[in-house]
């Protein structure tokens, strides 16, 4: 079971390989939100997203003989890149199964990190069957994107940093809004804050129409999304919360928040113009909620994760053209 001890152990194994990302603030964003807004800029992390932390944690925790045979991952992009780089740094093979409609930048980056990319049609092909065949043939170990205790522990190191940075800034109480797909980062941060900063309350943020975590929290049981595509926030479109992550979310998180694609794109433009960071739509929904769901948030301070910055040029330009 993932615990604060597992998170601290992951931090030790990660060491200085992952960046301690900054907590950014802008008076312009504070004015829009009507309160102080701090952004945990994981878009500045290695591979451009928080996923490197969990990937390194999971791969480094494998037994040496198991790790040497290589790893396998399913991902639309950010987990793919995190696993690819972590595997490369460990000197092992990585095979990443990616949907053919994943952002081109993410596919290219994954290959550039040295991984073998296997593309599939998510409407017609079964990625699990593809993965099972490759794993059996090559002895690869599957590194799940969120429903893996060591992955959750690695993402929990973000929560340790938030606790430390909040203390440095004198933040005594705040909602911590976390971009949420399957819930690995949300669960990890929530566990870390429970132990190190219980005055900070985690709330998951998702795209409208794909708010499975928020609906599941409200219902008290796991609920699925009807569709797996159709939002610009591709990085956090998952079928449902994980079987490991959901009990953690249910115990520790406040109510979920959901934002529209338009609000996510506006937040992409605002993050660039006011914080000088590049964010992908799915990686900036937490800031969008802080800015555009102000009536659903209490208190004078909010912390929002910016979980990724691997955005295709066309999408980024569209956000700037429309909202900058």
Protein backbone atom coordinates (compact mmCIF):
# COMPACT_ATOMS: atom_id res chain seq x y z
CA UNK A 1 0.00 0.00 0.00
CA UNK A 2 1.30 3.44 -0.92
CA UNK A 3 2.23 5.41 2.18
CA UNK A 4 4.32 8.39 3.23
CA UNK A 5 7.21 5.97 3.83
CA UNK A 6 6.97 4.73 0.24
CA UNK A 7 6.87 8.34 -1.00
CA UNK A 8 9.92 9.29 1.05
CA UNK A 9 11.74 6.19 -0.25
CA UNK A 10 10.85 7.18 -3.82
CA UNK A 11 12.27 10.63 -3.16
CA UNK A 12 15.54 9.09 -2.01
CA UNK A 13 15.79 6.91 -5.13
CA UNK A 14 14.93 9.82 -7.42
CA UNK A 15 17.52 11.99 -5.67
CA UNK A 16 18.62 14.92 -7.81
CA UNK A 17 17.46 13.36 -11.06
CA UNK A 18 14.06 15.10 -10.96
CA UNK A 19 13.85 18.87 -10.70
CA UNK A 20 12.40 20.63 -7.66
CA UNK A 21 9.93 22.64 -9.71
CA UNK A 22 8.99 26.18 -8.64
CA UNK A 23 5.77 27.50 -7.15
CA UNK A 24 4.92 30.49 -9.36
CA UNK A 25 2.66 33.48 -8.71
CA UNK A 26 1.35 36.42 -10.72
CA UNK A 27 -0.61 39.40 -9.37
CA UNK A 28 -2.54 39.43 -12.68
CA UNK A 29 -3.79 35.89 -12.06
CA UNK A 30 -4.53 36.72 -8.43
CA UNK A 31 -6.81 39.52 -9.61
CA UNK A 32 -8.73 37.22 -11.96
CA UNK A 33 -9.12 34.54 -9.30
CA UNK A 34 -9.95 36.94 -6.48
CA UNK A 35 -7.37 35.26 -4.23
CA UNK A 36 -3.69 34.34 -4.25
CA UNK A 37 -2.92 31.65 -6.84
CA UNK A 38 0.30 29.65 -6.80
CA UNK A 39 1.16 27.30 -9.68
CA UNK A 40 3.35 24.22 -9.18
CA UNK A 41 5.11 24.22 -12.55
CA UNK A 42 5.65 20.54 -13.33
CA UNK A 43 5.64 21.53 -17.00
CA UNK A 44 9.28 22.41 -16.30
CA UNK A 45 10.06 18.87 -15.12
CA UNK A 46 12.23 16.51 -17.20
CA UNK A 47 10.26 15.31 -20.26
CA UNK A 48 7.92 18.30 -19.79
CA UNK A 49 5.62 16.68 -17.24
CA UNK A 50 5.35 15.20 -13.75
CA UNK A 51 5.32 11.68 -15.21
CA UNK A 52 9.10 11.32 -15.02
CA UNK A 53 8.87 11.10 -11.22
CA UNK A 54 6.54 8.11 -11.19
CA UNK A 55 8.37 6.38 -14.02
CA UNK A 56 11.74 6.66 -12.27
CA UNK A 57 10.23 5.53 -8.98
CA UNK A 58 8.64 2.42 -10.53
CA UNK A 59 11.61 1.40 -12.68
CA UNK A 60 14.18 1.98 -9.93
CA UNK A 61 12.12 -0.18 -7.54
CA UNK A 62 12.25 -3.25 -9.82
CA UNK A 63 14.58 -6.13 -9.00
CA UNK A 64 17.75 -5.74 -11.11
CA UNK A 65 17.20 -8.94 -13.13
CA UNK A 66 13.58 -7.96 -13.86
CA UNK A 67 14.54 -4.39 -14.76
CA UNK A 68 17.27 -5.60 -17.14
CA UNK A 69 14.68 -7.29 -19.39
CA UNK A 70 13.05 -3.92 -20.10
CA UNK A 71 9.72 -2.24 -19.54
CA UNK A 72 6.43 -1.70 -21.35
CA UNK A 73 3.94 1.15 -21.04
CA UNK A 74 0.61 2.30 -22.48
CA UNK A 75 0.32 6.04 -22.93
CA UNK A 76 -0.98 8.86 -25.10
CA UNK A 77 2.18 10.81 -24.40
CA UNK A 78 3.40 12.09 -21.05
CA UNK A 79 3.72 8.73 -19.28
CA UNK A 80 5.33 7.44 -22.48
CA UNK A 81 8.02 10.09 -22.35
CA UNK A 82 8.60 9.66 -18.62
CA UNK A 83 9.07 5.89 -18.96
CA UNK A 84 11.21 6.29 -22.09
CA UNK A 85 13.66 8.67 -20.42
CA UNK A 86 13.76 6.80 -17.11
CA UNK A 87 14.44 3.56 -18.99
CA UNK A 88 17.16 5.21 -21.05
CA UNK A 89 18.82 6.54 -17.89
CA UNK A 90 18.72 3.02 -16.44
CA UNK A 91 20.21 1.61 -19.65
CA UNK A 92 17.28 -0.68 -20.40
CA UNK A 93 14.81 -1.13 -23.27
CA UNK A 94 11.38 0.49 -23.30
CA UNK A 95 8.44 -0.34 -25.55
CA UNK A 96 5.62 2.21 -25.53
CA UNK A 97 2.20 1.42 -26.99
CA UNK A 98 0.62 4.70 -28.10
CA UNK A 99 -2.67 5.55 -29.87
CA UNK A 100 -2.06 6.61 -33.45
CA UNK A 101 -3.96 9.86 -32.83
CA UNK A 102 -1.73 10.93 -29.93
CA UNK A 103 -0.14 14.39 -30.35
CA UNK A 104 2.69 14.21 -32.86
CA UNK A 105 5.07 15.98 -30.50
CA UNK A 106 4.58 13.31 -27.84
CA UNK A 107 5.12 10.45 -30.28
CA UNK A 108 8.28 12.09 -31.65
CA UNK A 109 9.66 12.88 -28.19
CA UNK A 110 9.08 9.32 -26.99
CA UNK A 111 11.09 7.97 -29.91
CA UNK A 112 13.79 10.60 -29.37
CA UNK A 113 14.18 9.38 -25.76
CA UNK A 114 15.13 6.01 -27.21
CA UNK A 115 11.93 4.01 -26.80
CA UNK A 116 10.37 1.71 -29.38
CA UNK A 117 6.93 3.13 -30.19
CA UNK A 118 4.12 0.78 -31.25
CA UNK A 119 1.10 2.68 -32.60
CA UNK A 120 -2.45 1.31 -32.51
CA UNK A 121 -5.96 2.39 -33.51
CA UNK A 122 -7.78 2.98 -30.24
CA UNK A 123 -11.17 2.49 -31.92
CA UNK A 124 -10.38 -0.83 -33.60
CA UNK A 125 -7.45 -2.45 -31.78
CA UNK A 126 -7.00 -3.81 -28.24
CA UNK A 127 -3.92 -2.26 -26.68
CA UNK A 128 -3.97 -4.76 -23.80
CA UNK A 129 -3.77 -7.65 -26.25
CA UNK A 130 -0.88 -5.97 -28.08
CA UNK A 131 0.90 -5.39 -24.78
CA UNK A 132 0.33 -8.91 -23.51
CA UNK A 133 1.83 -10.38 -26.68
CA UNK A 134 4.92 -8.14 -26.53
CA UNK A 135 5.41 -8.74 -22.82
CA UNK A 136 5.22 -12.51 -23.25
CA UNK A 137 7.64 -12.47 -26.19
CA UNK A 138 10.24 -10.21 -24.60
CA UNK A 139 9.79 -10.56 -20.85
CA UNK A 140 8.92 -6.86 -20.43
CA UNK A 141 7.48 -5.48 -17.18
CA UNK A 142 4.39 -3.28 -17.49
CA UNK A 143 4.67 0.14 -15.83
CA UNK A 144 1.10 1.36 -15.43
CA UNK A 145 0.49 5.11 -15.76
CA UNK A 146 -1.35 5.56 -12.44
CA UNK A 147 -2.60 2.33 -10.84
CA UNK A 148 0.83 1.34 -9.54
CA UNK A 149 1.96 1.92 -5.96
CA UNK A 150 5.49 2.94 -6.90
CA UNK A 151 4.21 5.31 -9.60
CA UNK A 152 1.87 6.91 -7.05
CA UNK A 153 4.79 7.20 -4.63
CA UNK A 154 6.90 8.95 -7.25
CA UNK A 155 4.12 11.44 -8.00
CA UNK A 156 3.77 11.94 -4.25
CA UNK A 157 7.16 13.64 -4.23
CA UNK A 158 5.37 16.63 -5.77
CA UNK A 159 3.28 16.80 -2.61
CA UNK A 160 6.41 16.79 -0.43
CA UNK A 161 7.71 19.78 -2.38
CA UNK A 162 4.37 21.60 -2.19
CA UNK A 163 4.33 21.11 1.60
CA UNK A 164 7.84 22.54 1.91
CA UNK A 165 7.21 25.45 -0.44
CA UNK A 166 3.90 26.33 1.21
CA UNK A 167 5.67 26.44 4.58
CA UNK A 168 8.37 28.71 3.13
CA UNK A 169 5.65 31.08 1.89
CA UNK A 170 3.68 30.99 5.13
CA UNK A 171 0.60 29.41 3.50
CA UNK A 172 -1.48 28.14 6.40
CA UNK A 173 -4.53 26.87 4.51
CA UNK A 174 -5.34 26.27 0.85
CA UNK A 175 -7.12 24.07 -1.64
CA UNK A 176 -4.58 22.23 -3.80
CA UNK A 177 -6.12 21.74 -7.25
CA UNK A 178 -4.62 18.83 -9.16
CA UNK A 179 -5.05 17.98 -12.85
CA UNK A 180 -6.56 14.50 -12.69
CA UNK A 181 -6.66 11.62 -15.17
CA UNK A 182 -6.48 8.21 -13.53
CA UNK A 183 -5.58 9.78 -10.21
CA UNK A 184 -1.94 8.80 -9.68
CA UNK A 185 -0.64 12.32 -9.11
CA UNK A 186 -3.78 13.33 -7.21
CA UNK A 187 -3.49 10.34 -4.88
CA UNK A 188 0.26 10.76 -4.37
CA UNK A 189 -0.01 14.46 -3.56
CA UNK A 190 -2.94 13.81 -1.22
CA UNK A 191 -0.99 11.16 0.71
CA UNK A 192 2.06 13.40 1.00
CA UNK A 193 0.03 16.38 2.20
CA UNK A 194 -1.91 14.25 4.68
CA UNK A 195 1.40 13.49 6.39
CA UNK A 196 3.33 16.73 5.87
CA UNK A 197 0.74 19.53 5.46
CA UNK A 198 -2.76 18.41 6.50
CA UNK A 199 -4.00 22.00 6.29
CA UNK A 200 -3.73 21.73 2.50
CA UNK A 201 -6.73 19.95 0.90
CA UNK A 202 -6.46 18.24 -2.50
CA UNK A 203 -9.24 18.54 -5.07
CA UNK A 204 -9.14 16.83 -8.49
CA UNK A 205 -9.80 18.89 -11.62
CA UNK A 206 -10.91 17.39 -14.95
CA UNK A 207 -12.40 18.39 -18.31
CA UNK A 208 -16.18 18.67 -18.50
CA UNK A 209 -17.67 15.45 -19.83
CA UNK A 210 -14.65 13.47 -18.64
CA UNK A 211 -14.97 14.13 -14.91
CA UNK A 212 -15.00 10.49 -13.83
CA UNK A 213 -13.03 11.20 -10.64
CA UNK A 214 -15.37 14.01 -9.56
CA UNK A 215 -18.48 11.96 -10.32
CA UNK A 216 -17.02 8.93 -8.57
CA UNK A 217 -16.25 10.94 -5.45
CA UNK A 218 -19.79 12.27 -5.41
CA UNK A 219 -21.33 8.81 -5.98
CA UNK A 220 -19.03 7.01 -3.56
CA UNK A 221 -18.11 4.43 -6.20
CA UNK A 222 -16.08 4.27 -9.40
CA UNK A 223 -17.89 5.67 -12.44
CA UNK A 224 -16.72 5.49 -16.05
CA UNK A 225 -16.65 8.08 -18.80
CA UNK A 226 -18.91 7.34 -21.74
CA UNK A 227 -16.28 8.44 -24.27
CA UNK A 228 -12.49 8.17 -24.44
CA UNK A 229 -11.98 11.09 -26.83
CA UNK A 230 -13.34 14.44 -27.89
CA UNK A 231 -11.56 16.92 -25.64
CA UNK A 232 -8.49 19.05 -26.27
CA UNK A 233 -7.30 17.90 -22.83
CA UNK A 234 -5.96 14.60 -24.22
CA UNK A 235 -3.36 14.15 -21.48
CA UNK A 236 -5.96 13.42 -18.79
CA UNK A 237 -8.67 11.50 -20.65
CA UNK A 238 -8.97 8.15 -18.87
CA UNK A 239 -11.88 5.69 -18.70
CA UNK A 240 -12.22 5.80 -14.90
CA UNK A 241 -10.23 6.28 -11.68
CA UNK A 242 -7.85 3.48 -10.79
CA UNK A 243 -8.68 0.68 -8.37
CA UNK A 244 -5.68 1.70 -6.25
CA UNK A 245 -6.07 5.46 -6.64
CA UNK A 246 -9.81 5.80 -6.03
CA UNK A 247 -9.85 4.65 -2.37
CA UNK A 248 -7.12 7.21 -1.67
CA UNK A 249 -9.05 9.98 -3.45
CA UNK A 250 -12.24 8.98 -1.65
CA UNK A 251 -10.56 9.19 1.76
CA UNK A 252 -8.49 12.33 1.28
CA UNK A 253 -9.86 14.58 -1.48
CA UNK A 254 -12.46 17.31 -1.51
CA UNK A 255 -15.10 17.63 -4.24
CA UNK A 256 -13.93 17.56 -7.84
CA UNK A 257 -14.03 20.48 -10.25
CA UNK A 258 -14.57 20.44 -14.03
CA UNK A 259 -13.69 23.03 -16.67
CA UNK A 260 -14.54 23.43 -20.34
CA UNK A 261 -12.08 23.07 -23.20
CA UNK A 262 -12.44 26.81 -23.81
CA UNK A 263 -11.47 27.58 -20.22
CA UNK A 264 -8.49 25.24 -20.48
CA UNK A 265 -7.33 27.00 -23.65
CA UNK A 266 -7.76 30.41 -21.99
CA UNK A 267 -5.61 29.15 -19.12
CA UNK A 268 -2.92 28.03 -21.59
CA UNK A 269 -2.74 31.59 -22.92
CA UNK A 270 -2.78 33.15 -19.44
CA UNK A 271 -0.06 30.82 -18.16
CA UNK A 272 2.13 31.88 -21.04
CA UNK A 273 1.45 35.60 -20.84
CA UNK A 274 1.52 35.94 -17.04
CA UNK A 275 3.80 33.15 -15.82
CA UNK A 276 5.94 32.67 -18.97
CA UNK A 277 5.40 28.92 -19.01
CA UNK A 278 4.17 26.65 -21.81
CA UNK A 279 1.33 24.35 -20.76
CA UNK A 280 -0.81 21.79 -22.55
CA UNK A 281 -4.59 22.06 -22.09
CA UNK A 282 -4.87 18.91 -19.98
CA UNK A 283 -1.97 20.08 -17.84
CA UNK A 284 -3.49 23.47 -17.01
CA UNK A 285 -7.07 22.56 -16.04
CA UNK A 286 -6.22 23.10 -12.36
CA UNK A 287 -5.26 26.71 -13.03
CA UNK A 288 -8.39 27.09 -15.18
CA UNK A 289 -10.48 25.99 -12.20
CA UNK A 290 -8.66 28.41 -9.92
CA UNK A 291 -9.39 31.26 -12.33
CA UNK A 292 -12.89 30.40 -13.59
CA UNK A 293 -14.46 28.38 -10.76
CA UNK A 294 -13.72 30.89 -8.03
CA UNK A 295 -17.16 30.54 -6.41
CA UNK A 296 -16.52 26.82 -5.84
CA UNK A 297 -13.30 27.45 -3.91
CA UNK A 298 -13.03 28.77 -0.35
CA UNK A 299 -10.21 30.66 1.33
CA UNK A 300 -7.78 33.35 0.24
CA UNK A 301 -5.14 31.07 -1.31
CA UNK A 302 -5.18 28.25 -3.85
CA UNK A 303 -2.36 26.09 -5.22
CA UNK A 304 -2.76 24.61 -8.71
CA UNK A 305 -0.58 22.05 -10.44
CA UNK A 306 0.54 22.64 -14.01
CA UNK A 307 1.19 19.01 -14.80
CA UNK A 308 2.52 19.15 -18.35
CA UNK A 309 3.73 21.34 -21.19
CA UNK A 310 3.94 18.95 -24.14
CA UNK A 311 1.56 20.79 -26.41
CA UNK A 312 1.50 20.62 -30.21
CA UNK A 313 2.50 23.91 -31.82
CA UNK A 314 -0.85 24.28 -33.59
CA UNK A 315 -2.83 23.92 -30.36
CA UNK A 316 -0.58 26.36 -28.53
CA UNK A 317 -0.79 28.92 -31.33
CA UNK A 318 -4.57 28.55 -31.40
CA UNK A 319 -4.76 29.29 -27.67
CA UNK A 320 -2.57 32.38 -28.04
CA UNK A 321 -4.41 33.63 -31.11
CA UNK A 322 -7.78 33.34 -29.40
CA UNK A 323 -7.04 34.43 -25.86
CA UNK A 324 -3.64 36.12 -25.46
